[in-house]
Amino acid sequence: MACRNTVSIVSTMQIQKFHSTEKQSPPERISTYKPNIWKYDHLLSLTSPYSEKKYKFEALKLKEEVSYEFSESSVSPVGLLELIDRIDKLGLTDYFEVETKEALENTIMYSMKSNSSSKKEEGLYATALCFRLLREHGYHASQDMLKDFFDGKVKLPSDIKTLVELWEGSHLSMDGENLLNDIRLFSAENLKKISDVDRFTANNPLAWRVRWYDVRRHIISAQNCVNTNPMFLKLAKLNFNIIQATHQNDLKDVIRWWRNLCIVEDLEFTRDRIVESFFFAVGIASEAQHGSMRKWLTKVIQLILIIDDVYDIYGSLADVQQFTRAIEKWDSKEVQMLPMCVQICFRALHDTMEEISVEIQRQNGGPSALPHLKQVWINFCKALLVEATWYHKGHIPTLEEYLDNGWTSSSVPIAFLSCDFWSHKL
């Protein structure tokens, strides 16, 4: 029998009374989540020819054919930076990882030897592009690279290309980098005055976007550009289709896992968001070789949603207290007296974490990851229990209390740890 929650309408007067000093039972909470929009049978029926190995061989062959651009003597320093930028935006970073690393490190060496006057000769556009690429690829790049252009002695830029690079780079600022904050305001204000600027870019800097979900847009843009190398474009399209085919197969795997749990039928109060969870995982690791991470992270996210709903919507205070004890002991016997819904949740979490730990150990070697996985889930459930206790006892936490507990109840540590076990592969 499916687990349901009854509907309870609570008036403003009742809520005020609930927060008064009188002891009352808290109002029942109900699930108002929108139903799942995805047709799983349709998703499971999708196929792609690009799963075949011959396309991967074709992509590698194309990669060799276009690699010469890095060694072309006629390519200027700014041309090389634009090439790296184009590779990143077209989703081809993995193919040219070595070449990109070498080019950026040479750029750093050149920058260290250059004086401020030579940098001004190269232009603000080249310097802003260099600054952004270095930061995006994890290299140290000081905001001082740009300060000579904003010392009041140089005419400030008005062309779209330079303003966009300043705008993009300024969103990679860190605390205390006031120059970048000023540059962001300057570039934003001036971009607003230009009628033919791409409004999507002006409102959504690269640092705010998920890189993989932007690739298709950049491919279309490159297709409409007369200066695009046709071989690069062909490789970008082929790589996009190969990775999409890989994602398609990964998604089908997690949908089968989700269906086999039978949670959707038994837990009507919880969120059915397996596809959305997969989209999140793709945003973390879109590369074809990271299929295991995508699938496990998808499962972790969906389990976070389920457990959160148990504490927030379904479980009584006694239920979630006992559930928390079961998580701490990692023992299914501790949930035998709880509602079947809660038992199903525990079993799904327990079995999935056991499977993940085995997979991590198989791929990475070393000791089992299970003790670490268990601990972050224990901490998560304890934090959810704190919030459930606040609710059931009518306690309104202070901001400090809420934030201190919220760091854990937000599930961030679980997501971080799940990614960390795979970080050496990313």
Protein backbone atom coordinates (compact mmCIF):
# COMPACT_ATOMS: atom_id res chain seq x y z
CA MET A 1 0.00 0.00 0.00
CA ALA A 2 1.34 3.40 -0.91
CA CYS A 3 2.23 5.80 1.88
CA ARG A 4 0.18 8.99 1.81
CA ASN A 5 -0.02 12.19 3.78
CA THR A 6 -3.34 13.74 4.72
CA VAL A 7 -4.13 17.30 3.73
CA SER A 8 -4.39 19.84 6.51
CA ILE A 9 -5.24 23.50 5.93
CA VAL A 10 -3.81 25.79 8.58
CA SER A 11 -5.07 29.33 9.00
CA THR A 12 -2.90 32.30 9.90
CA MET A 13 -4.51 32.38 13.33
CA GLN A 14 -3.65 28.73 13.89
CA ILE A 15 -0.03 29.33 12.88
CA GLN A 16 0.23 32.25 15.27
CA LYS A 17 -1.26 30.13 18.00
CA PHE A 18 1.21 27.36 17.20
CA HIS A 19 4.08 29.76 17.86
CA SER A 20 2.57 30.86 21.14
CA THR A 21 3.54 29.44 24.51
CA GLU A 22 0.67 26.94 24.47
CA LYS A 23 1.65 23.34 23.80
CA GLN A 24 0.04 22.18 20.58
CA SER A 25 0.71 19.61 17.92
CA PRO A 26 2.26 21.15 14.83
CA PRO A 27 0.16 21.31 11.67
CA GLU A 28 0.55 18.36 9.35
CA ARG A 29 2.70 19.03 6.33
CA ILE A 30 1.74 17.90 2.86
CA SER A 31 3.58 17.24 -0.36
CA THR A 32 2.86 19.83 -3.03
CA TYR A 33 5.56 18.73 -5.46
CA LYS A 34 4.67 18.67 -9.12
CA PRO A 35 4.48 15.20 -10.67
CA ASN A 36 7.27 13.75 -12.75
CA ILE A 37 7.10 15.02 -16.35
CA TRP A 38 9.28 12.34 -17.95
CA LYS A 39 8.02 9.25 -19.76
CA TYR A 40 10.48 6.60 -18.66
CA ASP A 41 9.44 4.07 -21.29
CA HIS A 42 10.20 6.63 -23.97
CA LEU A 43 13.60 7.49 -22.48
CA LEU A 44 14.48 3.80 -22.24
CA SER A 45 13.60 3.33 -25.91
CA LEU A 46 16.05 5.99 -27.14
CA THR A 47 19.05 4.80 -29.12
CA SER A 48 21.99 6.43 -30.86
CA PRO A 49 24.40 5.06 -33.47
CA TYR A 50 27.16 7.18 -31.92
CA SER A 51 27.61 4.58 -29.17
CA GLU A 52 29.59 2.53 -31.68
CA LYS A 53 33.38 2.52 -31.30
CA LYS A 54 34.00 3.52 -34.90
CA TYR A 55 32.89 7.07 -34.13
CA LYS A 56 35.42 7.36 -31.31
CA PHE A 57 38.17 6.30 -33.71
CA GLU A 58 36.93 8.85 -36.23
CA ALA A 59 37.06 11.57 -33.56
CA LEU A 60 40.65 10.69 -32.64
CA LYS A 61 41.62 10.81 -36.29
CA LEU A 62 40.04 14.25 -36.67
CA LYS A 63 41.84 15.40 -33.54
CA GLU A 64 45.20 14.52 -35.09
CA GLU A 65 44.28 16.41 -38.24
CA VAL A 66 43.52 19.66 -36.43
CA SER A 67 46.30 19.51 -33.82
CA TYR A 68 48.63 21.30 -36.21
CA GLU A 69 46.98 24.62 -35.31
CA PHE A 70 48.87 24.64 -32.01
CA SER A 71 52.22 24.39 -33.77
CA GLU A 72 51.51 26.81 -36.62
CA SER A 73 54.27 29.43 -36.59
CA SER A 74 51.88 31.99 -38.03
CA VAL A 75 49.56 31.81 -35.02
CA SER A 76 49.91 34.92 -32.86
CA PRO A 77 49.79 34.76 -29.04
CA VAL A 78 46.27 36.14 -29.03
CA GLY A 79 45.34 33.72 -31.82
CA LEU A 80 46.52 30.84 -29.64
CA LEU A 81 44.42 32.09 -26.74
CA GLU A 82 41.38 32.34 -29.01
CA LEU A 83 42.05 28.78 -30.18
CA ILE A 84 42.04 27.53 -26.57
CA ASP A 85 38.86 29.47 -25.87
CA ARG A 86 37.21 27.98 -28.95
CA ILE A 87 38.26 24.46 -27.94
CA ASP A 88 36.80 24.93 -24.45
CA LYS A 89 33.51 26.32 -25.70
CA LEU A 90 33.09 23.56 -28.29
CA GLY A 91 33.52 20.90 -25.61
CA LEU A 92 36.86 19.63 -26.95
CA THR A 93 39.05 20.31 -23.90
CA ASP A 94 39.73 16.61 -23.28
CA TYR A 95 41.15 16.14 -26.78
CA PHE A 96 43.67 18.96 -26.43
CA GLU A 97 44.51 18.83 -22.74
CA VAL A 98 48.27 18.52 -23.26
CA GLU A 99 48.44 21.19 -25.95
CA THR A 100 46.32 23.60 -23.92
CA LYS A 101 48.43 23.11 -20.79
CA GLU A 102 51.64 23.75 -22.70
CA ALA A 103 50.24 26.84 -24.42
CA LEU A 104 48.95 28.38 -21.18
CA GLU A 105 52.20 27.71 -19.32
CA ASN A 106 54.12 29.36 -22.15
CA THR A 107 51.74 32.30 -21.84
CA ILE A 108 52.52 32.56 -18.13
CA MET A 109 56.26 32.56 -18.81
CA TYR A 110 55.85 35.23 -21.48
CA SER A 111 53.69 37.34 -19.17
CA MET A 112 56.29 37.19 -16.39
CA LYS A 113 58.97 38.50 -18.76
CA SER A 114 56.79 41.25 -20.23
CA ASN A 115 56.64 44.76 -18.83
CA SER A 116 53.54 46.91 -18.53
CA SER A 117 54.22 48.84 -21.74
CA SER A 118 54.42 45.68 -23.85
CA LYS A 119 51.15 44.46 -22.32
CA LYS A 120 49.47 47.71 -23.30
CA GLU A 121 50.69 47.21 -26.84
CA GLU A 122 49.09 43.76 -26.94
CA GLY A 123 45.81 45.34 -25.99
CA LEU A 124 43.24 44.99 -23.28
CA TYR A 125 41.29 42.35 -25.20
CA ALA A 126 44.24 39.93 -25.29
CA THR A 127 45.07 40.54 -21.63
CA ALA A 128 41.46 40.09 -20.49
CA LEU A 129 41.14 36.88 -22.52
CA CYS A 130 44.41 35.58 -21.10
CA PHE A 131 43.31 36.42 -17.55
CA ARG A 132 40.01 34.56 -17.94
CA LEU A 133 41.52 31.46 -19.51
CA LEU A 134 44.23 31.18 -16.86
CA ARG A 135 41.68 31.35 -14.06
CA GLU A 136 39.30 28.95 -15.77
CA HIS A 137 42.10 26.40 -16.12
CA GLY A 138 43.19 26.73 -12.50
CA TYR A 139 46.30 28.87 -12.92
CA HIS A 140 47.13 31.82 -10.70
CA ALA A 141 46.30 35.06 -12.46
CA SER A 142 46.45 38.30 -10.51
CA GLN A 143 43.93 41.05 -11.10
CA ASP A 144 46.99 43.28 -11.46
CA MET A 145 47.23 41.98 -15.03
CA LEU A 146 44.45 44.46 -15.81
CA LYS A 147 45.27 47.39 -13.55
CA ASP A 148 47.50 49.22 -16.06
CA PHE A 149 44.50 49.60 -18.36
CA PHE A 150 42.44 51.27 -15.65
CA ASP A 151 44.98 53.75 -14.32
CA GLY A 152 43.29 56.71 -16.00
CA LYS A 153 46.02 57.04 -18.63
CA VAL A 154 44.58 54.68 -21.23
CA LYS A 155 41.39 55.15 -23.21
CA LEU A 156 38.82 52.73 -21.88
CA PRO A 157 37.40 50.20 -24.35
CA SER A 158 34.09 50.53 -26.12
CA ASP A 159 34.18 47.55 -28.53
CA ILE A 160 31.96 44.57 -27.79
CA LYS A 161 34.70 41.94 -27.90
CA THR A 162 36.83 43.58 -25.22
CA LEU A 163 33.89 44.49 -23.01
CA VAL A 164 32.59 40.91 -23.11
CA GLU A 165 36.00 39.54 -22.08
CA LEU A 166 36.19 42.01 -19.21
CA TRP A 167 32.65 41.09 -18.20
CA GLU A 168 33.40 37.36 -18.28
CA GLY A 169 36.72 37.64 -16.45
CA SER A 170 35.33 39.88 -13.73
CA HIS A 171 32.97 37.10 -12.64
CA LEU A 172 35.96 34.98 -11.65
CA SER A 173 36.86 37.42 -8.88
CA MET A 174 37.66 36.44 -5.31
CA ASP A 175 37.08 38.26 -2.04
CA GLY A 176 38.91 41.56 -1.84
CA GLU A 177 39.54 41.94 -5.57
CA ASN A 178 38.02 45.38 -5.83
CA LEU A 179 39.47 46.10 -9.25
CA LEU A 180 37.55 43.17 -10.75
CA ASN A 181 34.38 44.36 -9.02
CA ASP A 182 34.87 47.79 -10.60
CA ILE A 183 35.55 46.20 -13.99
CA ARG A 184 32.34 44.19 -13.72
CA LEU A 185 30.31 47.33 -13.08
CA PHE A 186 32.09 49.20 -15.88
CA SER A 187 31.66 46.45 -18.48
CA ALA A 188 28.04 45.76 -17.51
CA GLU A 189 27.11 49.42 -17.79
CA ASN A 190 28.74 49.79 -21.20
CA LEU A 191 27.34 46.55 -22.60
CA LYS A 192 23.85 47.84 -21.82
CA LYS A 193 24.47 50.76 -24.17
CA ILE A 194 25.28 48.51 -27.13
CA SER A 195 22.17 47.44 -29.01
CA ASP A 196 23.59 44.47 -30.94
CA VAL A 197 25.28 42.72 -28.01
CA ASP A 198 24.16 39.15 -27.31
CA ARG A 199 21.73 39.61 -24.42
CA PHE A 200 22.14 36.01 -23.28
CA THR A 201 25.88 36.56 -22.81
CA ALA A 202 25.34 39.94 -21.17
CA ASN A 203 22.94 38.44 -18.62
CA ASN A 204 24.60 35.04 -18.13
CA PRO A 205 28.40 35.09 -17.79
CA LEU A 206 30.28 31.86 -18.48
CA ALA A 207 31.08 31.43 -14.78
CA TRP A 208 27.36 31.10 -14.05
CA ARG A 209 26.68 28.52 -16.72
CA VAL A 210 27.14 24.76 -16.88
CA ARG A 211 29.78 24.36 -19.57
CA TRP A 212 28.43 21.20 -21.19
CA TYR A 213 24.91 22.58 -21.61
CA ASP A 214 26.41 25.53 -23.46
CA VAL A 215 28.29 23.46 -26.05
CA ARG A 216 25.42 23.07 -28.50
CA ARG A 217 24.87 26.82 -28.52
CA HIS A 218 28.56 27.43 -29.29
CA ILE A 219 28.53 24.81 -32.06
CA ILE A 220 25.61 26.60 -33.73
CA SER A 221 27.44 29.91 -33.34
CA ALA A 222 30.63 28.45 -34.85
CA GLN A 223 28.60 27.01 -37.71
CA ASN A 224 27.44 30.52 -38.61
CA CYS A 225 30.95 31.99 -38.41
CA VAL A 226 32.88 32.20 -41.69
CA ASN A 227 36.26 31.91 -39.92
CA THR A 228 35.52 28.56 -38.28
CA ASN A 229 37.85 25.73 -39.23
CA PRO A 230 35.51 23.13 -40.80
CA MET A 231 37.55 20.26 -39.35
CA PHE A 232 37.19 21.70 -35.85
CA LEU A 233 33.46 22.06 -36.39
CA LYS A 234 33.18 18.49 -37.64
CA LEU A 235 35.08 17.22 -34.59
CA ALA A 236 32.91 19.28 -32.23
CA LYS A 237 29.69 17.90 -33.72
CA LEU A 238 30.97 14.34 -33.68
CA ASN A 239 32.20 14.63 -30.09
CA PHE A 240 28.89 16.16 -29.02
CA ASN A 241 26.96 13.24 -30.48
CA ILE A 242 29.32 10.68 -28.93
CA ILE A 243 28.98 12.20 -25.47
CA GLN A 244 25.21 12.58 -25.84
CA ALA A 245 25.00 8.88 -26.70
CA THR A 246 27.05 8.06 -23.59
CA HIS A 247 24.79 10.23 -21.43
CA GLN A 248 21.77 8.54 -22.95
CA ASN A 249 23.02 5.10 -21.93
CA ASP A 250 23.96 6.33 -18.44
CA LEU A 251 20.49 7.82 -17.99
CA LYS A 252 18.85 4.55 -18.99
CA ASP A 253 20.96 2.73 -16.39
CA VAL A 254 19.85 5.02 -13.55
CA ILE A 255 16.21 4.90 -14.68
CA ARG A 256 16.32 1.09 -14.48
CA TRP A 257 17.86 1.34 -11.00
CA TRP A 258 15.15 3.80 -9.95
CA ARG A 259 12.37 1.60 -11.25
CA ASN A 260 13.79 -1.49 -9.57
CA LEU A 261 13.64 0.27 -6.21
CA CYS A 262 9.83 0.57 -6.64
CA ILE A 263 9.95 3.73 -4.53
CA VAL A 264 7.69 5.73 -6.84
CA GLU A 265 4.81 3.32 -6.26
CA ASP A 266 5.32 3.03 -2.50
CA LEU A 267 6.29 6.57 -1.53
CA GLU A 268 3.78 8.95 -3.05
CA PHE A 269 4.89 11.83 -0.83
CA THR A 270 8.42 12.03 -2.19
CA ARG A 271 9.90 13.63 -5.29
CA ASP A 272 10.41 11.60 -8.46
CA ARG A 273 13.34 13.55 -9.88
CA ILE A 274 15.76 10.97 -11.25
CA VAL A 275 16.15 12.72 -14.64
CA GLU A 276 16.71 16.12 -13.05
CA SER A 277 19.25 14.53 -10.69
CA PHE A 278 21.04 13.11 -13.71
CA PHE A 279 21.14 16.55 -15.36
CA PHE A 280 22.86 17.86 -12.23
CA ALA A 281 25.40 15.03 -12.33
CA VAL A 282 26.13 15.73 -16.00
CA GLY A 283 26.84 19.33 -15.06
CA ILE A 284 29.47 18.13 -12.58
CA ALA A 285 31.14 15.62 -14.91
CA SER A 286 30.02 15.59 -18.53
CA GLU A 287 33.04 13.82 -20.01
CA ALA A 288 32.36 10.43 -21.57
CA GLN A 289 34.84 8.58 -19.34
CA HIS A 290 33.08 9.62 -16.11
CA GLY A 291 29.97 7.50 -16.51
CA SER A 292 30.37 5.77 -13.15
CA MET A 293 30.52 9.06 -11.30
CA ARG A 294 27.49 10.43 -13.14
CA LYS A 295 25.41 7.40 -12.26
CA TRP A 296 26.42 7.23 -8.61
CA LEU A 297 26.02 10.96 -8.09
CA THR A 298 22.55 10.78 -9.67
CA LYS A 299 21.58 8.07 -7.20
CA VAL A 300 23.00 10.04 -4.27
CA ILE A 301 21.04 13.17 -5.23
CA GLN A 302 17.79 11.25 -5.59
CA LEU A 303 18.35 9.55 -2.23
CA ILE A 304 18.99 12.95 -0.64
CA LEU A 305 15.59 14.11 -1.91
CA ILE A 306 13.85 11.00 -0.57
CA ILE A 307 15.42 11.16 2.89
CA ASP A 308 14.77 14.90 3.08
CA ASP A 309 11.09 14.29 2.32
CA VAL A 310 10.88 11.60 5.02
CA TYR A 311 12.05 14.12 7.62
CA ASP A 312 10.20 17.13 6.22
CA ILE A 313 6.88 15.64 5.16
CA TYR A 314 6.14 12.05 6.08
CA GLY A 315 7.75 11.02 9.34
CA SER A 316 6.52 11.83 12.82
CA LEU A 317 9.13 13.03 15.28
CA ALA A 318 9.32 9.54 16.80
CA ASP A 319 9.71 8.02 13.33
CA VAL A 320 12.60 10.22 12.29
CA GLN A 321 14.30 9.84 15.66
CA GLN A 322 14.28 6.07 15.23
CA PHE A 323 15.29 6.39 11.58
CA THR A 324 18.29 8.49 12.63
CA ARG A 325 19.32 5.81 15.15
CA ALA A 326 19.10 3.21 12.39
CA ILE A 327 21.36 5.30 10.15
CA GLU A 328 23.86 5.74 12.99
CA LYS A 329 23.99 1.97 13.58
CA TRP A 330 23.65 1.20 9.84
CA ASP A 331 21.36 -1.64 10.85
CA SER A 332 18.10 -2.56 9.11
CA LYS A 333 16.79 -4.18 12.31
CA GLU A 334 16.42 -0.71 13.77
CA VAL A 335 13.68 0.22 11.27
CA GLN A 336 11.57 -2.95 11.52
CA MET A 337 8.98 -1.26 13.74
CA LEU A 338 8.73 1.82 11.53
CA PRO A 339 6.21 2.31 8.67
CA MET A 340 7.00 0.33 5.54
CA CYS A 341 7.72 3.58 3.68
CA VAL A 342 10.55 4.40 6.03
CA GLN A 343 11.89 0.86 5.84
CA ILE A 344 11.98 1.12 2.04
CA CYS A 345 13.93 4.38 2.28
CA PHE A 346 16.46 2.87 4.65
CA ARG A 347 16.95 -0.22 2.50
CA ALA A 348 17.43 1.89 -0.65
CA LEU A 349 20.03 4.09 1.05
CA HIS A 350 21.84 1.20 2.75
CA ASP A 351 22.09 -0.99 -0.35
CA THR A 352 23.05 1.84 -2.70
CA MET A 353 25.85 3.11 -0.46
CA GLU A 354 27.19 -0.43 -0.12
CA GLU A 355 27.23 -0.75 -3.92
CA ILE A 356 28.89 2.63 -4.38
CA SER A 357 31.65 1.80 -1.89
CA VAL A 358 32.39 -1.46 -3.71
CA GLU A 359 32.51 0.33 -7.07
CA ILE A 360 34.81 3.07 -5.74
CA GLN A 361 37.17 0.51 -4.24
CA ARG A 362 37.16 -1.52 -7.45
CA GLN A 363 38.08 1.49 -9.56
CA ASN A 364 40.37 3.37 -7.18
CA GLY A 365 41.82 0.65 -4.97
CA GLY A 366 42.73 1.35 -1.36
CA PRO A 367 40.53 0.98 1.72
CA SER A 368 36.75 0.91 1.59
CA ALA A 369 34.95 4.24 1.21
CA LEU A 370 31.94 2.95 3.15
CA PRO A 371 32.91 4.37 6.59
CA HIS A 372 33.22 7.84 5.06
CA LEU A 373 29.98 7.52 3.11
CA LYS A 374 28.15 6.33 6.22
CA GLN A 375 29.46 9.23 8.28
CA VAL A 376 28.27 11.96 5.91
CA TRP A 377 24.82 10.36 5.81
CA ILE A 378 24.76 10.12 9.60
CA ASN A 379 25.65 13.81 9.84
CA PHE A 380 23.02 14.67 7.23
CA CYS A 381 20.25 12.77 9.01
CA LYS A 382 21.22 14.26 12.37
CA ALA A 383 20.97 17.73 10.87
CA LEU A 384 17.56 16.92 9.38
CA LEU A 385 16.48 15.62 12.78
CA VAL A 386 17.45 18.93 14.35
CA GLU A 387 15.19 20.76 11.89
CA ALA A 388 12.38 18.25 12.41
CA THR A 389 12.67 18.73 16.17
CA TRP A 390 12.51 22.50 15.76
CA TYR A 391 9.34 22.12 13.73
CA HIS A 392 7.57 19.63 15.98
CA LYS A 393 8.42 21.60 19.12
CA GLY A 394 7.56 24.96 17.60
CA HIS A 395 11.08 26.34 17.96
CA ILE A 396 12.10 29.16 15.64
CA PRO A 397 15.90 28.99 15.32
CA THR A 398 18.12 32.02 15.31
CA LEU A 399 19.93 32.82 12.08
CA GLU A 400 23.15 31.52 13.60
CA GLU A 401 21.50 28.25 14.63
CA TYR A 402 19.92 27.82 11.22
CA LEU A 403 23.09 28.49 9.24
CA ASP A 404 25.24 26.32 11.50
CA ASN A 405 22.93 23.35 11.00
CA GLY A 406 22.03 24.24 7.40
CA TRP A 407 25.55 23.64 6.09
CA THR A 408 25.01 19.94 6.79
CA SER A 409 21.26 19.66 6.19
CA SER A 410 21.73 21.23 2.75
CA SER A 411 23.48 17.94 1.77
CA VAL A 412 26.54 19.79 0.46
CA PRO A 413 29.01 17.55 2.39
CA ILE A 414 27.45 14.43 0.85
CA ALA A 415 27.76 15.81 -2.67
CA PHE A 416 31.31 17.02 -2.02
CA LEU A 417 32.45 13.67 -0.66
CA SER A 418 30.78 11.76 -3.49
CA CYS A 419 32.70 13.89 -6.00
CA ASP A 420 35.93 13.79 -4.00
CA PHE A 421 36.25 10.02 -4.31
CA TRP A 422 36.37 10.49 -8.07
CA SER A 423 38.38 13.72 -8.16
CA HIS A 424 41.60 12.12 -9.36
CA LYS A 425 39.67 10.98 -12.45
CA LEU A 426 38.14 14.39 -13.18
